[in-house]
Amino acid sequence: MTDDGSTAVSRGARARWWVALATVVLVVALAAIWLVAVPVGVPCPAIYPPPPGCTVADRASTGVLWTIIIAGVYAGSIALALTVGRRRWWLTGAAMVILVVVAIVGFGVVQGWINFVTPY
């Protein structure tokens, strides 16, 4: 690439931007999942036996499952951004959209699984 004074962004800089964006999505998604999966408030009604999904083991296993799924999609997105995505930016954009959708779905599943109750 020659330095002709144009404002064009190099492929490497664009790939770094996509990697940074994917990392932010990963961190926010995992923080949200673990704040829900291990809630501070009372997540379930005080009845015996507790309804399905109210034990600590249920919350932790669901959180771990979605952590693995989101991390796998993140790794695939990064690999795509640093290889084929450098030439085809739309593939990297599609991978980032998939990462965001998987993160939102994962958060929703974890939140729904533990019968989330807001603490106020």
PDB file of N, CA and C in Angstrom:
ATOM      1  N   MET A   1       0.841  -1.154   0.000  1.00  0.00           N
ATOM      2  CA  MET A   1       0.000   0.000   0.000  1.00  0.00           C
ATOM      3  C   MET A   1       0.897   1.230   0.000  1.00  0.00           C
ATOM      4  N   THR A   2       0.674   2.148  -0.887  1.00  0.00           N
ATOM      5  CA  THR A   2       1.492   3.350  -0.964  1.00  0.00           C
ATOM      6  C   THR A   2       0.881   4.456  -0.139  1.00  0.00           C
ATOM      7  N   ASP A   3       1.731   5.385   0.279  1.00  0.00           N
ATOM      8  CA  ASP A   3       1.268   6.518   1.061  1.00  0.00           C
ATOM      9  C   ASP A   3       1.040   7.689   0.120  1.00  0.00           C
ATOM     10  N   ASP A   4      -0.179   7.791  -0.383  1.00  0.00           N
ATOM     11  CA  ASP A   4      -0.499   8.855  -1.324  1.00  0.00           C
ATOM     12  C   ASP A   4      -1.313   9.968  -0.667  1.00  0.00           C
ATOM     13  N   GLY A   5      -1.409   9.958   0.663  1.00  0.00           N
ATOM     14  CA  GLY A   5      -2.135  11.006   1.360  1.00  0.00           C
ATOM     15  C   GLY A   5      -3.634  10.778   1.418  1.00  0.00           C
ATOM     16  N   SER A   6      -4.104   9.648   0.946  1.00  0.00           N
ATOM     17  CA  SER A   6      -5.538   9.386   0.973  1.00  0.00           C
ATOM     18  C   SER A   6      -5.969   9.001   2.381  1.00  0.00           C
ATOM     19  N   THR A   7      -7.266   9.019   2.607  1.00  0.00           N
ATOM     20  CA  THR A   7      -7.813   8.688   3.924  1.00  0.00           C
ATOM     21  C   THR A   7      -8.243   7.235   4.009  1.00  0.00           C
ATOM     22  N   ALA A   8      -7.838   6.425   3.082  1.00  0.00           N
ATOM     23  CA  ALA A   8      -8.211   5.013   3.092  1.00  0.00           C
ATOM     24  C   ALA A   8      -7.594   4.312   4.299  1.00  0.00           C
ATOM     25  N   VAL A   9      -8.382   3.440   4.909  1.00  0.00           N
ATOM     26  CA  VAL A   9      -7.930   2.696   6.079  1.00  0.00           C
ATOM     27  C   VAL A   9      -7.292   1.398   5.599  1.00  0.00           C
ATOM     28  N   SER A  10      -6.141   1.080   6.147  1.00  0.00           N
ATOM     29  CA  SER A  10      -5.474  -0.156   5.739  1.00  0.00           C
ATOM     30  C   SER A  10      -6.263  -1.358   6.228  1.00  0.00           C
ATOM     31  N   ARG A  11      -6.013  -2.489   5.588  1.00  0.00           N
ATOM     32  CA  ARG A  11      -6.726  -3.714   5.960  1.00  0.00           C
ATOM     33  C   ARG A  11      -6.375  -4.142   7.380  1.00  0.00           C
ATOM     34  N   GLY A  12      -5.135  -3.950   7.770  1.00  0.00           N
ATOM     35  CA  GLY A  12      -4.712  -4.311   9.120  1.00  0.00           C
ATOM     36  C   GLY A  12      -5.409  -3.469  10.186  1.00  0.00           C
ATOM     37  N   ALA A  13      -5.549  -2.177   9.920  1.00  0.00           N
ATOM     38  CA  ALA A  13      -6.229  -1.298  10.881  1.00  0.00           C
ATOM     39  C   ALA A  13      -7.703  -1.655  10.976  1.00  0.00           C
ATOM     40  N   ARG A  14      -8.309  -1.985   9.857  1.00  0.00           N
ATOM     41  CA  ARG A  14      -9.712  -2.377   9.870  1.00  0.00           C
ATOM     42  C   ARG A  14      -9.900  -3.679  10.646  1.00  0.00           C
ATOM     43  N   ALA A  15      -8.980  -4.616  10.471  1.00  0.00           N
ATOM     44  CA  ALA A  15      -9.063  -5.888  11.197  1.00  0.00           C
ATOM     45  C   ALA A  15      -8.900  -5.656  12.692  1.00  0.00           C
ATOM     46  N   ARG A  16      -7.985  -4.759  13.085  1.00  0.00           N
ATOM     47  CA  ARG A  16      -7.819  -4.451  14.511  1.00  0.00           C
ATOM     48  C   ARG A  16      -9.084  -3.835  15.081  1.00  0.00           C
ATOM     49  N   TRP A  17      -9.767  -3.011  14.319  1.00  0.00           N
ATOM     50  CA  TRP A  17     -11.014  -2.393  14.773  1.00  0.00           C
ATOM     51  C   TRP A  17     -12.078  -3.464  15.003  1.00  0.00           C
ATOM     52  N   TRP A  18     -12.189  -4.405  14.087  1.00  0.00           N
ATOM     53  CA  TRP A  18     -13.167  -5.484  14.242  1.00  0.00           C
ATOM     54  C   TRP A  18     -12.837  -6.356  15.455  1.00  0.00           C
ATOM     55  N   VAL A  19     -11.547  -6.628  15.670  1.00  0.00           N
ATOM     56  CA  VAL A  19     -11.132  -7.427  16.826  1.00  0.00           C
ATOM     57  C   VAL A  19     -11.481  -6.694  18.121  1.00  0.00           C
ATOM     58  N   ALA A  20     -11.227  -5.396  18.160  1.00  0.00           N
ATOM     59  CA  ALA A  20     -11.564  -4.614  19.357  1.00  0.00           C
ATOM     60  C   ALA A  20     -13.071  -4.620  19.602  1.00  0.00           C
ATOM     61  N   LEU A  21     -13.856  -4.465  18.553  1.00  0.00           N
ATOM     62  CA  LEU A  21     -15.311  -4.483  18.682  1.00  0.00           C
ATOM     63  C   LEU A  21     -15.797  -5.835  19.188  1.00  0.00           C
ATOM     64  N   ALA A  22     -15.264  -6.910  18.643  1.00  0.00           N
ATOM     65  CA  ALA A  22     -15.664  -8.252  19.071  1.00  0.00           C
ATOM     66  C   ALA A  22     -15.277  -8.496  20.527  1.00  0.00           C
ATOM     67  N   THR A  23     -14.134  -7.980  20.945  1.00  0.00           N
ATOM     68  CA  THR A  23     -13.695  -8.158  22.325  1.00  0.00           C
ATOM     69  C   THR A  23     -14.612  -7.416  23.281  1.00  0.00           C
ATOM     70  N   VAL A  24     -15.041  -6.223  22.908  1.00  0.00           N
ATOM     71  CA  VAL A  24     -15.985  -5.470  23.746  1.00  0.00           C
ATOM     72  C   VAL A  24     -17.307  -6.232  23.866  1.00  0.00           C
ATOM     73  N   VAL A  25     -17.798  -6.765  22.756  1.00  0.00           N
ATOM     74  CA  VAL A  25     -19.045  -7.540  22.787  1.00  0.00           C
ATOM     75  C   VAL A  25     -18.877  -8.756  23.691  1.00  0.00           C
ATOM     76  N   LEU A  26     -17.751  -9.456  23.595  1.00  0.00           N
ATOM     77  CA  LEU A  26     -17.495 -10.627  24.426  1.00  0.00           C
ATOM     78  C   LEU A  26     -17.485 -10.266  25.910  1.00  0.00           C
ATOM     79  N   VAL A  27     -16.763  -9.218  26.271  1.00  0.00           N
ATOM     80  CA  VAL A  27     -16.649  -8.831  27.677  1.00  0.00           C
ATOM     81  C   VAL A  27     -18.002  -8.411  28.240  1.00  0.00           C
ATOM     82  N   VAL A  28     -18.747  -7.614  27.494  1.00  0.00           N
ATOM     83  CA  VAL A  28     -20.061  -7.169  27.961  1.00  0.00           C
ATOM     84  C   VAL A  28     -21.016  -8.355  28.092  1.00  0.00           C
ATOM     85  N   ALA A  29     -21.006  -9.251  27.126  1.00  0.00           N
ATOM     86  CA  ALA A  29     -21.903 -10.411  27.170  1.00  0.00           C
ATOM     87  C   ALA A  29     -21.589 -11.316  28.352  1.00  0.00           C
ATOM     88  N   LEU A  30     -20.316 -11.614  28.564  1.00  0.00           N
ATOM     89  CA  LEU A  30     -19.958 -12.503  29.666  1.00  0.00           C
ATOM     90  C   LEU A  30     -20.206 -11.851  31.018  1.00  0.00           C
ATOM     91  N   ALA A  31     -19.967 -10.561  31.123  1.00  0.00           N
ATOM     92  CA  ALA A  31     -20.264  -9.871  32.380  1.00  0.00           C
ATOM     93  C   ALA A  31     -21.762  -9.900  32.660  1.00  0.00           C
ATOM     94  N   ALA A  32     -22.570  -9.659  31.649  1.00  0.00           N
ATOM     95  CA  ALA A  32     -24.022  -9.688  31.838  1.00  0.00           C
ATOM     96  C   ALA A  32     -24.505 -11.088  32.189  1.00  0.00           C
ATOM     97  N   ILE A  33     -23.980 -12.081  31.526  1.00  0.00           N
ATOM     98  CA  ILE A  33     -24.395 -13.457  31.812  1.00  0.00           C
ATOM     99  C   ILE A  33     -24.040 -13.843  33.237  1.00  0.00           C
ATOM    100  N   TRP A  34     -22.833 -13.517  33.683  1.00  0.00           N
ATOM    101  CA  TRP A  34     -22.434 -13.943  35.016  1.00  0.00           C
ATOM    102  C   TRP A  34     -23.055 -13.096  36.109  1.00  0.00           C
ATOM    103  N   LEU A  35     -23.451 -11.885  35.795  1.00  0.00           N
ATOM    104  CA  LEU A  35     -24.197 -11.109  36.787  1.00  0.00           C
ATOM    105  C   LEU A  35     -25.601 -11.675  36.950  1.00  0.00           C
ATOM    106  N   VAL A  36     -26.130 -12.276  35.900  1.00  0.00           N
ATOM    107  CA  VAL A  36     -27.451 -12.908  35.974  1.00  0.00           C
ATOM    108  C   VAL A  36     -27.338 -14.339  36.486  1.00  0.00           C
ATOM    109  N   ALA A  37     -26.322 -15.060  36.050  1.00  0.00           N
ATOM    110  CA  ALA A  37     -26.189 -16.464  36.433  1.00  0.00           C
ATOM    111  C   ALA A  37     -25.872 -16.630  37.916  1.00  0.00           C
ATOM    112  N   VAL A  38     -25.192 -15.669  38.481  1.00  0.00           N
ATOM    113  CA  VAL A  38     -24.894 -15.705  39.907  1.00  0.00           C
ATOM    114  C   VAL A  38     -25.452 -14.407  40.505  1.00  0.00           C
ATOM    115  N   PRO A  39     -26.769 -14.340  40.654  1.00  0.00           N
ATOM    116  CA  PRO A  39     -27.396 -13.083  41.062  1.00  0.00           C
ATOM    117  C   PRO A  39     -27.131 -12.745  42.527  1.00  0.00           C
ATOM    118  N   VAL A  40     -27.187 -11.456  42.801  1.00  0.00           N
ATOM    119  CA  VAL A  40     -27.019 -10.982  44.156  1.00  0.00           C
ATOM    120  C   VAL A  40     -28.332 -11.121  44.917  1.00  0.00           C
ATOM    121  N   GLY A  41     -29.424 -10.835  44.240  1.00  0.00           N
ATOM    122  CA  GLY A  41     -30.740 -10.916  44.862  1.00  0.00           C
ATOM    123  C   GLY A  41     -31.248 -12.345  44.921  1.00  0.00           C
ATOM    124  N   VAL A  42     -32.479 -12.492  45.336  1.00  0.00           N
ATOM    125  CA  VAL A  42     -33.106 -13.808  45.418  1.00  0.00           C
ATOM    126  C   VAL A  42     -33.715 -14.123  44.056  1.00  0.00           C
ATOM    127  N   PRO A  43     -33.211 -15.158  43.354  1.00  0.00           N
ATOM    128  CA  PRO A  43     -33.701 -15.432  42.019  1.00  0.00           C
ATOM    129  C   PRO A  43     -34.946 -16.305  41.964  1.00  0.00           C
ATOM    130  N   CYS A  44     -35.325 -16.926  43.070  1.00  0.00           N
ATOM    131  CA  CYS A  44     -36.420 -17.883  43.025  1.00  0.00           C
ATOM    132  C   CYS A  44     -37.339 -17.707  44.230  1.00  0.00           C
ATOM    133  N   PRO A  45     -38.551 -18.201  44.106  1.00  0.00           N
ATOM    134  CA  PRO A  45     -39.461 -18.134  45.252  1.00  0.00           C
ATOM    135  C   PRO A  45     -38.994 -19.078  46.365  1.00  0.00           C
ATOM    136  N   ALA A  46     -39.345 -18.727  47.585  1.00  0.00           N
ATOM    137  CA  ALA A  46     -38.917 -19.520  48.744  1.00  0.00           C
ATOM    138  C   ALA A  46     -39.910 -20.641  48.996  1.00  0.00           C
ATOM    139  N   ILE A  47     -39.908 -21.626  48.120  1.00  0.00           N
ATOM    140  CA  ILE A  47     -40.770 -22.790  48.289  1.00  0.00           C
ATOM    141  C   ILE A  47     -39.910 -24.037  48.232  1.00  0.00           C
ATOM    142  N   TYR A  48     -40.430 -25.093  48.803  1.00  0.00           N
ATOM    143  CA  TYR A  48     -39.711 -26.356  48.750  1.00  0.00           C
ATOM    144  C   TYR A  48     -40.595 -27.403  48.116  1.00  0.00           C
ATOM    145  N   PRO A  49     -40.165 -28.152  47.188  1.00  0.00           N
ATOM    146  CA  PRO A  49     -38.884 -28.083  46.496  1.00  0.00           C
ATOM    147  C   PRO A  49     -38.858 -26.900  45.528  1.00  0.00           C
ATOM    148  N   PRO A  50     -37.693 -26.357  45.285  1.00  0.00           N
ATOM    149  CA  PRO A  50     -37.604 -25.206  44.383  1.00  0.00           C
ATOM    150  C   PRO A  50     -37.947 -25.611  42.952  1.00  0.00           C
ATOM    151  N   PRO A  51     -38.496 -24.679  42.175  1.00  0.00           N
ATOM    152  CA  PRO A  51     -38.799 -24.984  40.768  1.00  0.00           C
ATOM    153  C   PRO A  51     -37.515 -25.252  39.973  1.00  0.00           C
ATOM    154  N   PRO A  52     -37.645 -25.899  38.818  1.00  0.00           N
ATOM    155  CA  PRO A  52     -36.460 -26.180  37.995  1.00  0.00           C
ATOM    156  C   PRO A  52     -35.709 -24.897  37.653  1.00  0.00           C
ATOM    157  N   GLY A  53     -34.397 -24.966  37.735  1.00  0.00           N
ATOM    158  CA  GLY A  53     -33.562 -23.824  37.382  1.00  0.00           C
ATOM    159  C   GLY A  53     -33.211 -22.933  38.548  1.00  0.00           C
ATOM    160  N   CYS A  54     -33.634 -23.281  39.758  1.00  0.00           N
ATOM    161  CA  CYS A  54     -33.388 -22.423  40.907  1.00  0.00           C
ATOM    162  C   CYS A  54     -32.179 -22.824  41.736  1.00  0.00           C
ATOM    163  N   THR A  55     -31.554 -23.908  41.439  1.00  0.00           N
ATOM    164  CA  THR A  55     -30.384 -24.290  42.224  1.00  0.00           C
ATOM    165  C   THR A  55     -29.140 -23.622  41.654  1.00  0.00           C
ATOM    166  N   VAL A  56     -28.132 -23.513  42.493  1.00  0.00           N
ATOM    167  CA  VAL A  56     -26.876 -22.903  42.064  1.00  0.00           C
ATOM    168  C   VAL A  56     -26.264 -23.707  40.920  1.00  0.00           C
ATOM    169  N   ALA A  57     -26.404 -25.017  40.966  1.00  0.00           N
ATOM    170  CA  ALA A  57     -25.841 -25.867  39.910  1.00  0.00           C
ATOM    171  C   ALA A  57     -26.501 -25.577  38.565  1.00  0.00           C
ATOM    172  N   ASP A  58     -27.824 -25.341  38.556  1.00  0.00           N
ATOM    173  CA  ASP A  58     -28.516 -25.014  37.307  1.00  0.00           C
ATOM    174  C   ASP A  58     -28.018 -23.692  36.743  1.00  0.00           C
ATOM    175  N   ARG A  59     -27.880 -22.703  37.606  1.00  0.00           N
ATOM    176  CA  ARG A  59     -27.431 -21.387  37.144  1.00  0.00           C
ATOM    177  C   ARG A  59     -26.012 -21.453  36.615  1.00  0.00           C
ATOM    178  N   ALA A  60     -25.149 -22.128  37.341  1.00  0.00           N
ATOM    179  CA  ALA A  60     -23.745 -22.196  36.928  1.00  0.00           C
ATOM    180  C   ALA A  60     -23.580 -22.988  35.635  1.00  0.00           C
ATOM    181  N   SER A  61     -24.290 -24.100  35.508  1.00  0.00           N
ATOM    182  CA  SER A  61     -24.124 -24.912  34.298  1.00  0.00           C
ATOM    183  C   SER A  61     -24.634 -24.183  33.059  1.00  0.00           C
ATOM    184  N   THR A  62     -25.737 -23.454  33.199  1.00  0.00           N
ATOM    185  CA  THR A  62     -26.251 -22.686  32.069  1.00  0.00           C
ATOM    186  C   THR A  62     -25.297 -21.551  31.712  1.00  0.00           C
ATOM    187  N   GLY A  63     -24.750 -20.893  32.718  1.00  0.00           N
ATOM    188  CA  GLY A  63     -23.774 -19.823  32.471  1.00  0.00           C
ATOM    189  C   GLY A  63     -22.516 -20.337  31.802  1.00  0.00           C
ATOM    190  N   VAL A  64     -22.041 -21.487  32.240  1.00  0.00           N
ATOM    191  CA  VAL A  64     -20.839 -22.081  31.641  1.00  0.00           C
ATOM    192  C   VAL A  64     -21.103 -22.482  30.188  1.00  0.00           C
ATOM    193  N   LEU A  65     -22.254 -23.087  29.943  1.00  0.00           N
ATOM    194  CA  LEU A  65     -22.599 -23.488  28.576  1.00  0.00           C
ATOM    195  C   LEU A  65     -22.598 -22.285  27.636  1.00  0.00           C
ATOM    196  N   TRP A  66     -23.253 -21.214  28.031  1.00  0.00           N
ATOM    197  CA  TRP A  66     -23.330 -20.048  27.153  1.00  0.00           C
ATOM    198  C   TRP A  66     -22.011 -19.282  27.093  1.00  0.00           C
ATOM    199  N   THR A  67     -21.195 -19.386  28.122  1.00  0.00           N
ATOM    200  CA  THR A  67     -19.853 -18.806  28.054  1.00  0.00           C
ATOM    201  C   THR A  67     -19.035 -19.521  26.988  1.00  0.00           C
ATOM    202  N   ILE A  68     -19.123 -20.835  26.944  1.00  0.00           N
ATOM    203  CA  ILE A  68     -18.391 -21.616  25.944  1.00  0.00           C
ATOM    204  C   ILE A  68     -18.912 -21.309  24.535  1.00  0.00           C
ATOM    205  N   ILE A  69     -20.222 -21.225  24.383  1.00  0.00           N
ATOM    206  CA  ILE A  69     -20.801 -20.946  23.061  1.00  0.00           C
ATOM    207  C   ILE A  69     -20.365 -19.575  22.564  1.00  0.00           C
ATOM    208  N   ILE A  70     -20.480 -18.568  23.421  1.00  0.00           N
ATOM    209  CA  ILE A  70     -20.113 -17.207  23.005  1.00  0.00           C
ATOM    210  C   ILE A  70     -18.615 -17.111  22.738  1.00  0.00           C
ATOM    211  N   ALA A  71     -17.800 -17.754  23.560  1.00  0.00           N
ATOM    212  CA  ALA A  71     -16.354 -17.735  23.326  1.00  0.00           C
ATOM    213  C   ALA A  71     -15.995 -18.414  22.002  1.00  0.00           C
ATOM    214  N   GLY A  72     -16.701 -19.472  21.655  1.00  0.00           N
ATOM    215  CA  GLY A  72     -16.458 -20.142  20.381  1.00  0.00           C
ATOM    216  C   GLY A  72     -16.824 -19.267  19.187  1.00  0.00           C
ATOM    217  N   VAL A  73     -17.964 -18.591  19.282  1.00  0.00           N
ATOM    218  CA  VAL A  73     -18.362 -17.685  18.200  1.00  0.00           C
ATOM    219  C   VAL A  73     -17.382 -16.510  18.116  1.00  0.00           C
ATOM    220  N   TYR A  74     -16.928 -16.030  19.269  1.00  0.00           N
ATOM    221  CA  TYR A  74     -15.919 -14.964  19.302  1.00  0.00           C
ATOM    222  C   TYR A  74     -14.628 -15.411  18.603  1.00  0.00           C
ATOM    223  N   ALA A  75     -14.155 -16.607  18.937  1.00  0.00           N
ATOM    224  CA  ALA A  75     -12.927 -17.116  18.319  1.00  0.00           C
ATOM    225  C   ALA A  75     -13.082 -17.253  16.802  1.00  0.00           C
ATOM    226  N   GLY A  76     -14.244 -17.734  16.380  1.00  0.00           N
ATOM    227  CA  GLY A  76     -14.496 -17.835  14.941  1.00  0.00           C
ATOM    228  C   GLY A  76     -14.541 -16.472  14.271  1.00  0.00           C
ATOM    229  N   SER A  77     -15.140 -15.498  14.928  1.00  0.00           N
ATOM    230  CA  SER A  77     -15.212 -14.143  14.377  1.00  0.00           C
ATOM    231  C   SER A  77     -13.830 -13.527  14.251  1.00  0.00           C
ATOM    232  N   ILE A  78     -12.997 -13.719  15.256  1.00  0.00           N
ATOM    233  CA  ILE A  78     -11.632 -13.182  15.218  1.00  0.00           C
ATOM    234  C   ILE A  78     -10.827 -13.859  14.113  1.00  0.00           C
ATOM    235  N   ALA A  79     -10.943 -15.171  14.021  1.00  0.00           N
ATOM    236  CA  ALA A  79     -10.215 -15.897  12.973  1.00  0.00           C
ATOM    237  C   ALA A  79     -10.649 -15.420  11.587  1.00  0.00           C
ATOM    238  N   LEU A  80     -11.941 -15.213  11.419  1.00  0.00           N
ATOM    239  CA  LEU A  80     -12.443 -14.731  10.139  1.00  0.00           C
ATOM    240  C   LEU A  80     -11.956 -13.314   9.856  1.00  0.00           C
ATOM    241  N   ALA A  81     -11.982 -12.452  10.879  1.00  0.00           N
ATOM    242  CA  ALA A  81     -11.555 -11.064  10.690  1.00  0.00           C
ATOM    243  C   ALA A  81     -10.080 -10.967  10.315  1.00  0.00           C
ATOM    244  N   LEU A  82      -9.270 -11.863  10.846  1.00  0.00           N
ATOM    245  CA  LEU A  82      -7.836 -11.789  10.596  1.00  0.00           C
ATOM    246  C   LEU A  82      -7.384 -12.553   9.359  1.00  0.00           C
ATOM    247  N   THR A  83      -8.288 -13.296   8.730  1.00  0.00           N
ATOM    248  CA  THR A  83      -7.911 -14.050   7.533  1.00  0.00           C
ATOM    249  C   THR A  83      -8.720 -13.559   6.332  1.00  0.00           C
ATOM    250  N   VAL A  84      -9.794 -14.234   6.037  1.00  0.00           N
ATOM    251  CA  VAL A  84     -10.610 -13.924   4.866  1.00  0.00           C
ATOM    252  C   VAL A  84     -11.262 -12.550   4.980  1.00  0.00           C
ATOM    253  N   GLY A  85     -11.603 -12.151   6.198  1.00  0.00           N
ATOM    254  CA  GLY A  85     -12.300 -10.892   6.410  1.00  0.00           C
ATOM    255  C   GLY A  85     -11.496  -9.661   6.062  1.00  0.00           C
ATOM    256  N   ARG A  86     -10.188  -9.788   5.953  1.00  0.00           N
ATOM    257  CA  ARG A  86      -9.379  -8.631   5.558  1.00  0.00           C
ATOM    258  C   ARG A  86      -9.682  -8.195   4.130  1.00  0.00           C
ATOM    259  N   ARG A  87     -10.039  -9.153   3.294  1.00  0.00           N
ATOM    260  CA  ARG A  87     -10.369  -8.828   1.906  1.00  0.00           C
ATOM    261  C   ARG A  87     -11.869  -8.654   1.709  1.00  0.00           C
ATOM    262  N   ARG A  88     -12.642  -9.336   2.495  1.00  0.00           N
ATOM    263  CA  ARG A  88     -14.107  -9.275   2.367  1.00  0.00           C
ATOM    264  C   ARG A  88     -14.683  -8.785   3.691  1.00  0.00           C
ATOM    265  N   TRP A  89     -14.769  -7.463   3.831  1.00  0.00           N
ATOM    266  CA  TRP A  89     -15.199  -6.867   5.094  1.00  0.00           C
ATOM    267  C   TRP A  89     -16.618  -7.253   5.455  1.00  0.00           C
ATOM    268  N   TRP A  90     -17.454  -7.546   4.467  1.00  0.00           N
ATOM    269  CA  TRP A  90     -18.848  -7.882   4.760  1.00  0.00           C
ATOM    270  C   TRP A  90     -18.956  -9.216   5.494  1.00  0.00           C
ATOM    271  N   LEU A  91     -18.000 -10.141   5.260  1.00  0.00           N
ATOM    272  CA  LEU A  91     -17.996 -11.398   6.018  1.00  0.00           C
ATOM    273  C   LEU A  91     -17.702 -11.136   7.499  1.00  0.00           C
ATOM    274  N   THR A  92     -16.761 -10.251   7.739  1.00  0.00           N
ATOM    275  CA  THR A  92     -16.433  -9.903   9.122  1.00  0.00           C
ATOM    276  C   THR A  92     -17.610  -9.202   9.783  1.00  0.00           C
ATOM    277  N   GLY A  93     -18.261  -8.321   9.041  1.00  0.00           N
ATOM    278  CA  GLY A  93     -19.450  -7.651   9.584  1.00  0.00           C
ATOM    279  C   GLY A  93     -20.556  -8.640   9.920  1.00  0.00           C
ATOM    280  N   ALA A  94     -20.753  -9.615   9.056  1.00  0.00           N
ATOM    281  CA  ALA A  94     -21.767 -10.647   9.320  1.00  0.00           C
ATOM    282  C   ALA A  94     -21.386 -11.480  10.544  1.00  0.00           C
ATOM    283  N   ALA A  95     -20.103 -11.788  10.697  1.00  0.00           N
ATOM    284  CA  ALA A  95     -19.655 -12.549  11.867  1.00  0.00           C
ATOM    285  C   ALA A  95     -19.889 -11.752  13.145  1.00  0.00           C
ATOM    286  N   MET A  96     -19.690 -10.439  13.091  1.00  0.00           N
ATOM    287  CA  MET A  96     -19.929  -9.606  14.271  1.00  0.00           C
ATOM    288  C   MET A  96     -21.420  -9.535  14.609  1.00  0.00           C
ATOM    289  N   VAL A  97     -22.259  -9.479  13.592  1.00  0.00           N
ATOM    290  CA  VAL A  97     -23.707  -9.484  13.840  1.00  0.00           C
ATOM    291  C   VAL A  97     -24.117 -10.807  14.480  1.00  0.00           C
ATOM    292  N   ILE A  98     -23.562 -11.904  13.991  1.00  0.00           N
ATOM    293  CA  ILE A  98     -23.859 -13.221  14.577  1.00  0.00           C
ATOM    294  C   ILE A  98     -23.381 -13.268  16.027  1.00  0.00           C
ATOM    295  N   LEU A  99     -22.203 -12.706  16.309  1.00  0.00           N
ATOM    296  CA  LEU A  99     -21.688 -12.671  17.677  1.00  0.00           C
ATOM    297  C   LEU A  99     -22.626 -11.893  18.591  1.00  0.00           C
ATOM    298  N   VAL A 100     -23.107 -10.758  18.145  1.00  0.00           N
ATOM    299  CA  VAL A 100     -24.029  -9.954  18.950  1.00  0.00           C
ATOM    300  C   VAL A 100     -25.336 -10.706  19.177  1.00  0.00           C
ATOM    301  N   VAL A 101     -25.863 -11.339  18.146  1.00  0.00           N
ATOM    302  CA  VAL A 101     -27.122 -12.091  18.281  1.00  0.00           C
ATOM    303  C   VAL A 101     -26.955 -13.259  19.254  1.00  0.00           C
ATOM    304  N   VAL A 102     -25.853 -13.992  19.136  1.00  0.00           N
ATOM    305  CA  VAL A 102     -25.607 -15.111  20.045  1.00  0.00           C
ATOM    306  C   VAL A 102     -25.457 -14.605  21.478  1.00  0.00           C
ATOM    307  N   ALA A 103     -24.798 -13.469  21.661  1.00  0.00           N
ATOM    308  CA  ALA A 103     -24.643 -12.905  23.006  1.00  0.00           C
ATOM    309  C   ALA A 103     -25.995 -12.513  23.599  1.00  0.00           C
ATOM    310  N   ILE A 104     -26.850 -11.901  22.808  1.00  0.00           N
ATOM    311  CA  ILE A 104     -28.176 -11.510  23.291  1.00  0.00           C
ATOM    312  C   ILE A 104     -29.018 -12.748  23.603  1.00  0.00           C
ATOM    313  N   VAL A 105     -28.981 -13.732  22.729  1.00  0.00           N
ATOM    314  CA  VAL A 105     -29.739 -14.963  22.971  1.00  0.00           C
ATOM    315  C   VAL A 105     -29.211 -15.673  24.213  1.00  0.00           C
ATOM    316  N   GLY A 106     -27.898 -15.738  24.365  1.00  0.00           N
ATOM    317  CA  GLY A 106     -27.315 -16.372  25.549  1.00  0.00           C
ATOM    318  C   GLY A 106     -27.737 -15.682  26.833  1.00  0.00           C
ATOM    319  N   PHE A 107     -27.719 -14.359  26.826  1.00  0.00           N
ATOM    320  CA  PHE A 107     -28.169 -13.606  27.994  1.00  0.00           C
ATOM    321  C   PHE A 107     -29.631 -13.896  28.285  1.00  0.00           C
ATOM    322  N   GLY A 108     -30.441 -13.925  27.246  1.00  0.00           N
ATOM    323  CA  GLY A 108     -31.867 -14.205  27.436  1.00  0.00           C
ATOM    324  C   GLY A 108     -32.122 -15.601  27.963  1.00  0.00           C
ATOM    325  N   VAL A 109     -31.379 -16.567  27.475  1.00  0.00           N
ATOM    326  CA  VAL A 109     -31.561 -17.945  27.941  1.00  0.00           C
ATOM    327  C   VAL A 109     -31.154 -18.070  29.401  1.00  0.00           C
ATOM    328  N   VAL A 110     -30.017 -17.505  29.764  1.00  0.00           N
ATOM    329  CA  VAL A 110     -29.577 -17.584  31.153  1.00  0.00           C
ATOM    330  C   VAL A 110     -30.554 -16.839  32.059  1.00  0.00           C
ATOM    331  N   GLN A 111     -31.003 -15.697  31.626  1.00  0.00           N
ATOM    332  CA  GLN A 111     -31.950 -14.923  32.423  1.00  0.00           C
ATOM    333  C   GLN A 111     -33.279 -15.662  32.567  1.00  0.00           C
ATOM    334  N   GLY A 112     -33.755 -16.265  31.512  1.00  0.00           N
ATOM    335  CA  GLY A 112     -35.005 -17.002  31.566  1.00  0.00           C
ATOM    336  C   GLY A 112     -34.902 -18.300  32.330  1.00  0.00           C
ATOM    337  N   TRP A 113     -33.752 -18.950  32.254  1.00  0.00           N
ATOM    338  CA  TRP A 113     -33.589 -20.240  32.897  1.00  0.00           C
ATOM    339  C   TRP A 113     -33.651 -20.133  34.412  1.00  0.00           C
ATOM    340  N   ILE A 114     -33.122 -19.040  34.972  1.00  0.00           N
ATOM    341  CA  ILE A 114     -33.067 -18.951  36.430  1.00  0.00           C
ATOM    342  C   ILE A 114     -34.262 -18.233  37.022  1.00  0.00           C
ATOM    343  N   ASN A 115     -35.295 -17.995  36.237  1.00  0.00           N
ATOM    344  CA  ASN A 115     -36.481 -17.294  36.750  1.00  0.00           C
ATOM    345  C   ASN A 115     -36.088 -15.971  37.382  1.00  0.00           C
ATOM    346  N   PHE A 116     -35.432 -15.152  36.616  1.00  0.00           N
ATOM    347  CA  PHE A 116     -34.856 -13.901  37.094  1.00  0.00           C
ATOM    348  C   PHE A 116     -35.905 -13.001  37.742  1.00  0.00           C
ATOM    349  N   VAL A 117     -35.560 -12.497  38.911  1.00  0.00           N
ATOM    350  CA  VAL A 117     -36.406 -11.541  39.612  1.00  0.00           C
ATOM    351  C   VAL A 117     -35.568 -10.308  39.887  1.00  0.00           C
ATOM    352  N   THR A 118     -36.057  -9.147  39.515  1.00  0.00           N
ATOM    353  CA  THR A 118     -35.304  -7.933  39.784  1.00  0.00           C
ATOM    354  C   THR A 118     -35.308  -7.654  41.282  1.00  0.00           C
ATOM    355  N   PRO A 119     -34.191  -7.168  41.815  1.00  0.00           N
ATOM    356  CA  PRO A 119     -34.086  -6.998  43.257  1.00  0.00           C
ATOM    357  C   PRO A 119     -34.829  -5.782  43.805  1.00  0.00           C
ATOM    358  N   TYR A 120     -35.640  -5.082  43.021  1.00  0.00           N
ATOM    359  CA  TYR A 120     -36.370  -3.919  43.539  1.00  0.00           C
ATOM    360  C   TYR A 120     -37.832  -4.026  43.304  1.00  0.00           C
TER     361      TYR A 120
END
